[in-house]
Amino acid sequence: CANYLRYHAGRPIQIPIMYINEEESPSMKRGGYIAPINRFVSCYVDEGVRIPDFLELECTGLELKEVVRIDRVSFPDGVRMSRRVKEHHR
């Protein structure tokens, strides 16, 4: 099965977030969880760059009641967050 998405460079696209290394978080080991506000990040993808299936959010070292910011999300080369995200999460 193949899914195709028409993308025009310069327009933002919503890319889902995937949590990685949850087992490395002391809080998650004790039954804690992440209550996401946004499950997607609005991004620009450079022309010719593969659109990622998801963006990885690093959970290593997360503590209880810690606010997870956009700086924990890793963006592949050629993928950057949209201006709207930058302004909203300063």
PDB file of N, CA and C in Angstrom:
ATOM      1  N   CYS A   1       0.847  -1.174   0.000  1.00  0.00           N
ATOM      2  CA  CYS A   1       0.000   0.000   0.000  1.00  0.00           C
ATOM      3  C   CYS A   1       0.894   1.239   0.000  1.00  0.00           C
ATOM      4  N   ALA A   2       0.548   2.194  -0.779  1.00  0.00           N
ATOM      5  CA  ALA A   2       1.319   3.434  -0.846  1.00  0.00           C
ATOM      6  C   ALA A   2       0.372   4.622  -0.729  1.00  0.00           C
ATOM      7  N   ASN A   3       0.767   5.568   0.066  1.00  0.00           N
ATOM      8  CA  ASN A   3       0.023   6.814   0.198  1.00  0.00           C
ATOM      9  C   ASN A   3       0.859   7.926  -0.406  1.00  0.00           C
ATOM     10  N   TYR A   4       0.219   8.744  -1.211  1.00  0.00           N
ATOM     11  CA  TYR A   4       0.928   9.857  -1.833  1.00  0.00           C
ATOM     12  C   TYR A   4       0.351  11.163  -1.317  1.00  0.00           C
ATOM     13  N   LEU A   5       1.239  12.124  -1.155  1.00  0.00           N
ATOM     14  CA  LEU A   5       0.843  13.426  -0.653  1.00  0.00           C
ATOM     15  C   LEU A   5       1.444  14.469  -1.578  1.00  0.00           C
ATOM     16  N   ARG A   6       0.621  15.334  -2.098  1.00  0.00           N
ATOM     17  CA  ARG A   6       1.133  16.416  -2.937  1.00  0.00           C
ATOM     18  C   ARG A   6       1.601  17.529  -2.010  1.00  0.00           C
ATOM     19  N   TYR A   7       2.848  17.891  -2.149  1.00  0.00           N
ATOM     20  CA  TYR A   7       3.423  18.936  -1.299  1.00  0.00           C
ATOM     21  C   TYR A   7       4.043  20.003  -2.178  1.00  0.00           C
ATOM     22  N   HIS A   8       3.777  21.234  -1.838  1.00  0.00           N
ATOM     23  CA  HIS A   8       4.358  22.371  -2.540  1.00  0.00           C
ATOM     24  C   HIS A   8       5.339  23.049  -1.586  1.00  0.00           C
ATOM     25  N   ALA A   9       6.592  23.140  -2.010  1.00  0.00           N
ATOM     26  CA  ALA A   9       7.609  23.779  -1.172  1.00  0.00           C
ATOM     27  C   ALA A   9       7.160  25.183  -0.794  1.00  0.00           C
ATOM     28  N   GLY A  10       7.356  25.541   0.445  1.00  0.00           N
ATOM     29  CA  GLY A  10       6.965  26.863   0.923  1.00  0.00           C
ATOM     30  C   GLY A  10       5.629  26.861   1.649  1.00  0.00           C
ATOM     31  N   ARG A  11       4.923  25.738   1.630  1.00  0.00           N
ATOM     32  CA  ARG A  11       3.666  25.621   2.370  1.00  0.00           C
ATOM     33  C   ARG A  11       3.877  24.673   3.548  1.00  0.00           C
ATOM     34  N   PRO A  12       3.343  25.023   4.705  1.00  0.00           N
ATOM     35  CA  PRO A  12       3.549  24.147   5.866  1.00  0.00           C
ATOM     36  C   PRO A  12       2.752  22.843   5.740  1.00  0.00           C
ATOM     37  N   ILE A  13       3.281  21.805   6.356  1.00  0.00           N
ATOM     38  CA  ILE A  13       2.645  20.494   6.390  1.00  0.00           C
ATOM     39  C   ILE A  13       2.649  20.013   7.838  1.00  0.00           C
ATOM     40  N   GLN A  14       1.614  19.311   8.250  1.00  0.00           N
ATOM     41  CA  GLN A  14       1.515  18.797   9.612  1.00  0.00           C
ATOM     42  C   GLN A  14       2.196  17.429   9.675  1.00  0.00           C
ATOM     43  N   ILE A  15       3.229  17.298  10.519  1.00  0.00           N
ATOM     44  CA  ILE A  15       3.948  16.038  10.676  1.00  0.00           C
ATOM     45  C   ILE A  15       3.718  15.547  12.107  1.00  0.00           C
ATOM     46  N   PRO A  16       3.306  14.272  12.261  1.00  0.00           N
ATOM     47  CA  PRO A  16       3.025  13.756  13.608  1.00  0.00           C
ATOM     48  C   PRO A  16       4.287  13.602  14.453  1.00  0.00           C
ATOM     49  N   ILE A  17       4.097  13.590  15.769  1.00  0.00           N
ATOM     50  CA  ILE A  17       5.183  13.432  16.736  1.00  0.00           C
ATOM     51  C   ILE A  17       5.160  12.003  17.270  1.00  0.00           C
ATOM     52  N   MET A  18       6.353  11.388  17.361  1.00  0.00           N
ATOM     53  CA  MET A  18       6.476  10.058  17.968  1.00  0.00           C
ATOM     54  C   MET A  18       7.416  10.176  19.158  1.00  0.00           C
ATOM     55  N   TYR A  19       7.027   9.587  20.285  1.00  0.00           N
ATOM     56  CA  TYR A  19       7.849   9.633  21.496  1.00  0.00           C
ATOM     57  C   TYR A  19       8.870   8.509  21.445  1.00  0.00           C
ATOM     58  N   ILE A  20      10.142   8.842  21.721  1.00  0.00           N
ATOM     59  CA  ILE A  20      11.190   7.822  21.752  1.00  0.00           C
ATOM     60  C   ILE A  20      11.880   7.830  23.110  1.00  0.00           C
ATOM     61  N   ASN A  21      12.460   6.709  23.470  1.00  0.00           N
ATOM     62  CA  ASN A  21      13.204   6.519  24.719  1.00  0.00           C
ATOM     63  C   ASN A  21      12.350   6.805  25.955  1.00  0.00           C
ATOM     64  N   GLU A  22      11.095   6.423  25.913  1.00  0.00           N
ATOM     65  CA  GLU A  22      10.222   6.616  27.073  1.00  0.00           C
ATOM     66  C   GLU A  22      10.719   5.823  28.281  1.00  0.00           C
ATOM     67  N   GLU A  23      11.358   4.682  28.014  1.00  0.00           N
ATOM     68  CA  GLU A  23      11.856   3.836  29.105  1.00  0.00           C
ATOM     69  C   GLU A  23      13.039   4.469  29.831  1.00  0.00           C
ATOM     70  N   GLU A  24      13.617   5.538  29.273  1.00  0.00           N
ATOM     71  CA  GLU A  24      14.736   6.243  29.891  1.00  0.00           C
ATOM     72  C   GLU A  24      14.280   7.388  30.802  1.00  0.00           C
ATOM     73  N   SER A  25      12.993   7.595  30.922  1.00  0.00           N
ATOM     74  CA  SER A  25      12.463   8.662  31.761  1.00  0.00           C
ATOM     75  C   SER A  25      12.076   8.108  33.125  1.00  0.00           C
ATOM     76  N   PRO A  26      12.622   8.670  34.207  1.00  0.00           N
ATOM     77  CA  PRO A  26      12.277   8.192  35.549  1.00  0.00           C
ATOM     78  C   PRO A  26      10.767   8.277  35.827  1.00  0.00           C
ATOM     79  N   SER A  27      10.128   9.328  35.363  1.00  0.00           N
ATOM     80  CA  SER A  27       8.692   9.505  35.609  1.00  0.00           C
ATOM     81  C   SER A  27       7.861   8.494  34.831  1.00  0.00           C
ATOM     82  N   MET A  28       8.253   8.224  33.594  1.00  0.00           N
ATOM     83  CA  MET A  28       7.509   7.274  32.774  1.00  0.00           C
ATOM     84  C   MET A  28       7.660   5.858  33.337  1.00  0.00           C
ATOM     85  N   LYS A  29       8.819   5.566  33.920  1.00  0.00           N
ATOM     86  CA  LYS A  29       9.033   4.253  34.531  1.00  0.00           C
ATOM     87  C   LYS A  29       8.071   4.041  35.703  1.00  0.00           C
ATOM     88  N   ARG A  30       7.728   5.124  36.387  1.00  0.00           N
ATOM     89  CA  ARG A  30       6.840   5.039  37.553  1.00  0.00           C
ATOM     90  C   ARG A  30       5.372   5.211  37.192  1.00  0.00           C
ATOM     91  N   GLY A  31       5.047   5.096  35.913  1.00  0.00           N
ATOM     92  CA  GLY A  31       3.650   5.174  35.500  1.00  0.00           C
ATOM     93  C   GLY A  31       3.211   6.537  35.005  1.00  0.00           C
ATOM     94  N   GLY A  32       4.139   7.478  34.893  1.00  0.00           N
ATOM     95  CA  GLY A  32       3.789   8.796  34.378  1.00  0.00           C
ATOM     96  C   GLY A  32       3.445   8.719  32.896  1.00  0.00           C
ATOM     97  N   TYR A  33       2.900   9.772  32.379  1.00  0.00           N
ATOM     98  CA  TYR A  33       2.523   9.803  30.965  1.00  0.00           C
ATOM     99  C   TYR A  33       2.629  11.221  30.435  1.00  0.00           C
ATOM    100  N   ILE A  34       2.595  11.333  29.114  1.00  0.00           N
ATOM    101  CA  ILE A  34       2.632  12.629  28.452  1.00  0.00           C
ATOM    102  C   ILE A  34       1.213  12.966  28.028  1.00  0.00           C
ATOM    103  N   ALA A  35       0.748  14.147  28.401  1.00  0.00           N
ATOM    104  CA  ALA A  35      -0.578  14.629  27.986  1.00  0.00           C
ATOM    105  C   ALA A  35      -0.350  15.648  26.873  1.00  0.00           C
ATOM    106  N   PRO A  36      -0.359  15.188  25.617  1.00  0.00           N
ATOM    107  CA  PRO A  36      -0.016  16.094  24.514  1.00  0.00           C
ATOM    108  C   PRO A  36      -1.077  17.152  24.250  1.00  0.00           C
ATOM    109  N   ILE A  37      -0.615  18.352  23.958  1.00  0.00           N
ATOM    110  CA  ILE A  37      -1.497  19.430  23.534  1.00  0.00           C
ATOM    111  C   ILE A  37      -1.587  19.400  22.012  1.00  0.00           C
ATOM    112  N   ASN A  38      -0.448  19.189  21.381  1.00  0.00           N
ATOM    113  CA  ASN A  38      -0.393  19.068  19.920  1.00  0.00           C
ATOM    114  C   ASN A  38       0.235  17.734  19.562  1.00  0.00           C
ATOM    115  N   ARG A  39      -0.396  16.996  18.678  1.00  0.00           N
ATOM    116  CA  ARG A  39       0.140  15.716  18.218  1.00  0.00           C
ATOM    117  C   ARG A  39       0.888  15.867  16.895  1.00  0.00           C
ATOM    118  N   PHE A  40       0.857  17.066  16.344  1.00  0.00           N
ATOM    119  CA  PHE A  40       1.509  17.352  15.075  1.00  0.00           C
ATOM    120  C   PHE A  40       2.306  18.647  15.200  1.00  0.00           C
ATOM    121  N   VAL A  41       3.334  18.789  14.349  1.00  0.00           N
ATOM    122  CA  VAL A  41       4.112  20.024  14.274  1.00  0.00           C
ATOM    123  C   VAL A  41       4.000  20.534  12.847  1.00  0.00           C
ATOM    124  N   SER A  42       3.698  21.804  12.704  1.00  0.00           N
ATOM    125  CA  SER A  42       3.613  22.438  11.394  1.00  0.00           C
ATOM    126  C   SER A  42       5.034  22.718  10.905  1.00  0.00           C
ATOM    127  N   CYS A  43       5.406  22.126   9.754  1.00  0.00           N
ATOM    128  CA  CYS A  43       6.778  22.202   9.252  1.00  0.00           C
ATOM    129  C   CYS A  43       6.826  22.566   7.780  1.00  0.00           C
ATOM    130  N   TYR A  44       7.978  23.080   7.384  1.00  0.00           N
ATOM    131  CA  TYR A  44       8.315  23.262   5.975  1.00  0.00           C
ATOM    132  C   TYR A  44       9.322  22.177   5.617  1.00  0.00           C
ATOM    133  N   VAL A  45       9.152  21.599   4.436  1.00  0.00           N
ATOM    134  CA  VAL A  45      10.091  20.594   3.948  1.00  0.00           C
ATOM    135  C   VAL A  45      10.703  21.146   2.666  1.00  0.00           C
ATOM    136  N   ASP A  46      12.032  21.182   2.623  1.00  0.00           N
ATOM    137  CA  ASP A  46      12.720  21.692   1.438  1.00  0.00           C
ATOM    138  C   ASP A  46      12.427  20.814   0.232  1.00  0.00           C
ATOM    139  N   GLU A  47      12.462  21.436  -0.928  1.00  0.00           N
ATOM    140  CA  GLU A  47      12.194  20.717  -2.169  1.00  0.00           C
ATOM    141  C   GLU A  47      13.231  19.609  -2.373  1.00  0.00           C
ATOM    142  N   GLY A  48      12.766  18.424  -2.745  1.00  0.00           N
ATOM    143  CA  GLY A  48      13.642  17.290  -2.982  1.00  0.00           C
ATOM    144  C   GLY A  48      13.963  16.468  -1.746  1.00  0.00           C
ATOM    145  N   VAL A  49      13.512  16.916  -0.580  1.00  0.00           N
ATOM    146  CA  VAL A  49      13.756  16.202   0.674  1.00  0.00           C
ATOM    147  C   VAL A  49      12.559  15.300   0.958  1.00  0.00           C
ATOM    148  N   ARG A  50      12.842  14.095   1.411  1.00  0.00           N
ATOM    149  CA  ARG A  50      11.785  13.151   1.748  1.00  0.00           C
ATOM    150  C   ARG A  50      10.979  13.678   2.942  1.00  0.00           C
ATOM    151  N   ILE A  51       9.654  13.612   2.843  1.00  0.00           N
ATOM    152  CA  ILE A  51       8.795  14.034   3.956  1.00  0.00           C
ATOM    153  C   ILE A  51       8.833  12.930   5.003  1.00  0.00           C
ATOM    154  N   PRO A  52       9.253  13.238   6.233  1.00  0.00           N
ATOM    155  CA  PRO A  52       9.340  12.182   7.253  1.00  0.00           C
ATOM    156  C   PRO A  52       7.955  11.696   7.674  1.00  0.00           C
ATOM    157  N   ASP A  53       7.895  10.416   8.063  1.00  0.00           N
ATOM    158  CA  ASP A  53       6.641   9.840   8.558  1.00  0.00           C
ATOM    159  C   ASP A  53       6.261  10.443   9.899  1.00  0.00           C
ATOM    160  N   PHE A  54       7.283  10.826  10.683  1.00  0.00           N
ATOM    161  CA  PHE A  54       7.049  11.412  12.004  1.00  0.00           C
ATOM    162  C   PHE A  54       8.297  12.162  12.443  1.00  0.00           C
ATOM    163  N   LEU A  55       8.148  12.999  13.469  1.00  0.00           N
ATOM    164  CA  LEU A  55       9.267  13.681  14.123  1.00  0.00           C
ATOM    165  C   LEU A  55       9.447  13.029  15.484  1.00  0.00           C
ATOM    166  N   GLU A  56      10.685  12.861  15.905  1.00  0.00           N
ATOM    167  CA  GLU A  56      10.963  12.195  17.171  1.00  0.00           C
ATOM    168  C   GLU A  56      11.057  13.191  18.320  1.00  0.00           C
ATOM    169  N   LEU A  57      10.341  12.888  19.408  1.00  0.00           N
ATOM    170  CA  LEU A  57      10.414  13.682  20.625  1.00  0.00           C
ATOM    171  C   LEU A  57      11.177  12.866  21.655  1.00  0.00           C
ATOM    172  N   GLU A  58      12.314  13.368  22.092  1.00  0.00           N
ATOM    173  CA  GLU A  58      13.198  12.671  23.020  1.00  0.00           C
ATOM    174  C   GLU A  58      12.655  12.746  24.445  1.00  0.00           C
ATOM    175  N   CYS A  59      12.405  11.580  25.056  1.00  0.00           N
ATOM    176  CA  CYS A  59      11.820  11.526  26.406  1.00  0.00           C
ATOM    177  C   CYS A  59      12.842  11.225  27.498  1.00  0.00           C
ATOM    178  N   THR A  60      14.096  10.995  27.137  1.00  0.00           N
ATOM    179  CA  THR A  60      15.126  10.668  28.120  1.00  0.00           C
ATOM    180  C   THR A  60      15.220  11.765  29.179  1.00  0.00           C
ATOM    181  N   GLY A  61      15.126  11.373  30.442  1.00  0.00           N
ATOM    182  CA  GLY A  61      15.294  12.309  31.546  1.00  0.00           C
ATOM    183  C   GLY A  61      14.078  13.153  31.896  1.00  0.00           C
ATOM    184  N   LEU A  62      12.940  12.915  31.270  1.00  0.00           N
ATOM    185  CA  LEU A  62      11.740  13.698  31.615  1.00  0.00           C
ATOM    186  C   LEU A  62      11.343  13.471  33.068  1.00  0.00           C
ATOM    187  N   GLU A  63      11.021  14.526  33.753  1.00  0.00           N
ATOM    188  CA  GLU A  63      10.599  14.458  35.144  1.00  0.00           C
ATOM    189  C   GLU A  63       9.096  14.699  35.243  1.00  0.00           C
ATOM    190  N   LEU A  64       8.530  14.326  36.361  1.00  0.00           N
ATOM    191  CA  LEU A  64       7.104  14.500  36.606  1.00  0.00           C
ATOM    192  C   LEU A  64       6.723  15.979  36.533  1.00  0.00           C
ATOM    193  N   LYS A  65       5.658  16.305  35.851  1.00  0.00           N
ATOM    194  CA  LYS A  65       5.113  17.650  35.673  1.00  0.00           C
ATOM    195  C   LYS A  65       6.017  18.581  34.862  1.00  0.00           C
ATOM    196  N   GLU A  66       6.982  18.024  34.175  1.00  0.00           N
ATOM    197  CA  GLU A  66       7.859  18.836  33.331  1.00  0.00           C
ATOM    198  C   GLU A  66       7.120  19.219  32.046  1.00  0.00           C
ATOM    199  N   VAL A  67       7.279  20.449  31.620  1.00  0.00           N
ATOM    200  CA  VAL A  67       6.679  20.916  30.370  1.00  0.00           C
ATOM    201  C   VAL A  67       7.651  20.576  29.248  1.00  0.00           C
ATOM    202  N   VAL A  68       7.158  19.843  28.256  1.00  0.00           N
ATOM    203  CA  VAL A  68       7.996  19.431  27.135  1.00  0.00           C
ATOM    204  C   VAL A  68       7.905  20.499  26.054  1.00  0.00           C
ATOM    205  N   ARG A  69       9.049  21.036  25.670  1.00  0.00           N
ATOM    206  CA  ARG A  69       9.114  22.106  24.676  1.00  0.00           C
ATOM    207  C   ARG A  69       9.564  21.558  23.326  1.00  0.00           C
ATOM    208  N   ILE A  70       9.452  22.389  22.318  1.00  0.00           N
ATOM    209  CA  ILE A  70       9.784  22.018  20.944  1.00  0.00           C
ATOM    210  C   ILE A  70      11.262  21.670  20.783  1.00  0.00           C
ATOM    211  N   ASP A  71      12.121  22.125  21.689  1.00  0.00           N
ATOM    212  CA  ASP A  71      13.546  21.833  21.555  1.00  0.00           C
ATOM    213  C   ASP A  71      13.870  20.356  21.770  1.00  0.00           C
ATOM    214  N   ARG A  72      12.951  19.576  22.287  1.00  0.00           N
ATOM    215  CA  ARG A  72      13.146  18.128  22.444  1.00  0.00           C
ATOM    216  C   ARG A  72      12.805  17.360  21.164  1.00  0.00           C
ATOM    217  N   VAL A  73      12.221  18.037  20.194  1.00  0.00           N
ATOM    218  CA  VAL A  73      11.866  17.393  18.929  1.00  0.00           C
ATOM    219  C   VAL A  73      13.057  17.495  17.989  1.00  0.00           C
ATOM    220  N   SER A  74      13.413  16.362  17.364  1.00  0.00           N
ATOM    221  CA  SER A  74      14.533  16.392  16.415  1.00  0.00           C
ATOM    222  C   SER A  74      13.988  16.514  14.995  1.00  0.00           C
ATOM    223  N   PHE A  75      14.523  17.500  14.268  1.00  0.00           N
ATOM    224  CA  PHE A  75      14.118  17.762  12.890  1.00  0.00           C
ATOM    225  C   PHE A  75      15.197  17.238  11.951  1.00  0.00           C
ATOM    226  N   PRO A  76      14.829  16.387  10.990  1.00  0.00           N
ATOM    227  CA  PRO A  76      15.819  15.908  10.013  1.00  0.00           C
ATOM    228  C   PRO A  76      16.306  17.059   9.133  1.00  0.00           C
ATOM    229  N   ASP A  77      17.408  16.843   8.437  1.00  0.00           N
ATOM    230  CA  ASP A  77      17.931  17.851   7.513  1.00  0.00           C
ATOM    231  C   ASP A  77      16.887  18.165   6.455  1.00  0.00           C
ATOM    232  N   GLY A  78      16.690  19.438   6.188  1.00  0.00           N
ATOM    233  CA  GLY A  78      15.730  19.868   5.176  1.00  0.00           C
ATOM    234  C   GLY A  78      14.321  20.044   5.691  1.00  0.00           C
ATOM    235  N   VAL A  79      14.111  19.790   6.990  1.00  0.00           N
ATOM    236  CA  VAL A  79      12.791  19.964   7.612  1.00  0.00           C
ATOM    237  C   VAL A  79      12.951  20.983   8.726  1.00  0.00           C
ATOM    238  N   ARG A  80      12.094  22.002   8.732  1.00  0.00           N
ATOM    239  CA  ARG A  80      12.166  23.027   9.789  1.00  0.00           C
ATOM    240  C   ARG A  80      10.748  23.410  10.194  1.00  0.00           C
ATOM    241  N   MET A  81      10.605  23.836  11.433  1.00  0.00           N
ATOM    242  CA  MET A  81       9.272  24.216  11.907  1.00  0.00           C
ATOM    243  C   MET A  81       8.833  25.516  11.253  1.00  0.00           C
ATOM    244  N   SER A  82       7.524  25.665  11.130  1.00  0.00           N
ATOM    245  CA  SER A  82       6.985  26.871  10.497  1.00  0.00           C
ATOM    246  C   SER A  82       7.128  28.072  11.420  1.00  0.00           C
ATOM    247  N   ARG A  83       7.009  29.246  10.848  1.00  0.00           N
ATOM    248  CA  ARG A  83       7.111  30.488  11.639  1.00  0.00           C
ATOM    249  C   ARG A  83       6.047  30.531  12.715  1.00  0.00           C
ATOM    250  N   ARG A  84       4.861  30.025  12.417  1.00  0.00           N
ATOM    251  CA  ARG A  84       3.764  30.039  13.371  1.00  0.00           C
ATOM    252  C   ARG A  84       4.134  29.278  14.651  1.00  0.00           C
ATOM    253  N   VAL A  85       4.811  28.160  14.506  1.00  0.00           N
ATOM    254  CA  VAL A  85       5.237  27.384  15.663  1.00  0.00           C
ATOM    255  C   VAL A  85       6.281  28.158  16.449  1.00  0.00           C
ATOM    256  N   LYS A  86       7.233  28.777  15.762  1.00  0.00           N
ATOM    257  CA  LYS A  86       8.290  29.547  16.429  1.00  0.00           C
ATOM    258  C   LYS A  86       7.718  30.671  17.272  1.00  0.00           C
ATOM    259  N   GLU A  87       6.742  31.389  16.722  1.00  0.00           N
ATOM    260  CA  GLU A  87       6.126  32.513  17.435  1.00  0.00           C
ATOM    261  C   GLU A  87       5.306  32.033  18.634  1.00  0.00           C
ATOM    262  N   HIS A  88       4.648  30.903  18.485  1.00  0.00           N
ATOM    263  CA  HIS A  88       3.756  30.401  19.517  1.00  0.00           C
ATOM    264  C   HIS A  88       4.498  29.808  20.702  1.00  0.00           C
ATOM    265  N   HIS A  89       5.697  29.243  20.473  1.00  0.00           N
ATOM    266  CA  HIS A  89       6.400  28.517  21.529  1.00  0.00           C
ATOM    267  C   HIS A  89       7.663  29.202  22.007  1.00  0.00           C
ATOM    268  N   ARG A  90       7.704  30.508  22.002  1.00  0.00           N
ATOM    269  CA  ARG A  90       8.891  31.224  22.490  1.00  0.00           C
ATOM    270  C   ARG A  90       8.929  31.251  23.974  1.00  0.00           C
TER     271      ARG A  90
END
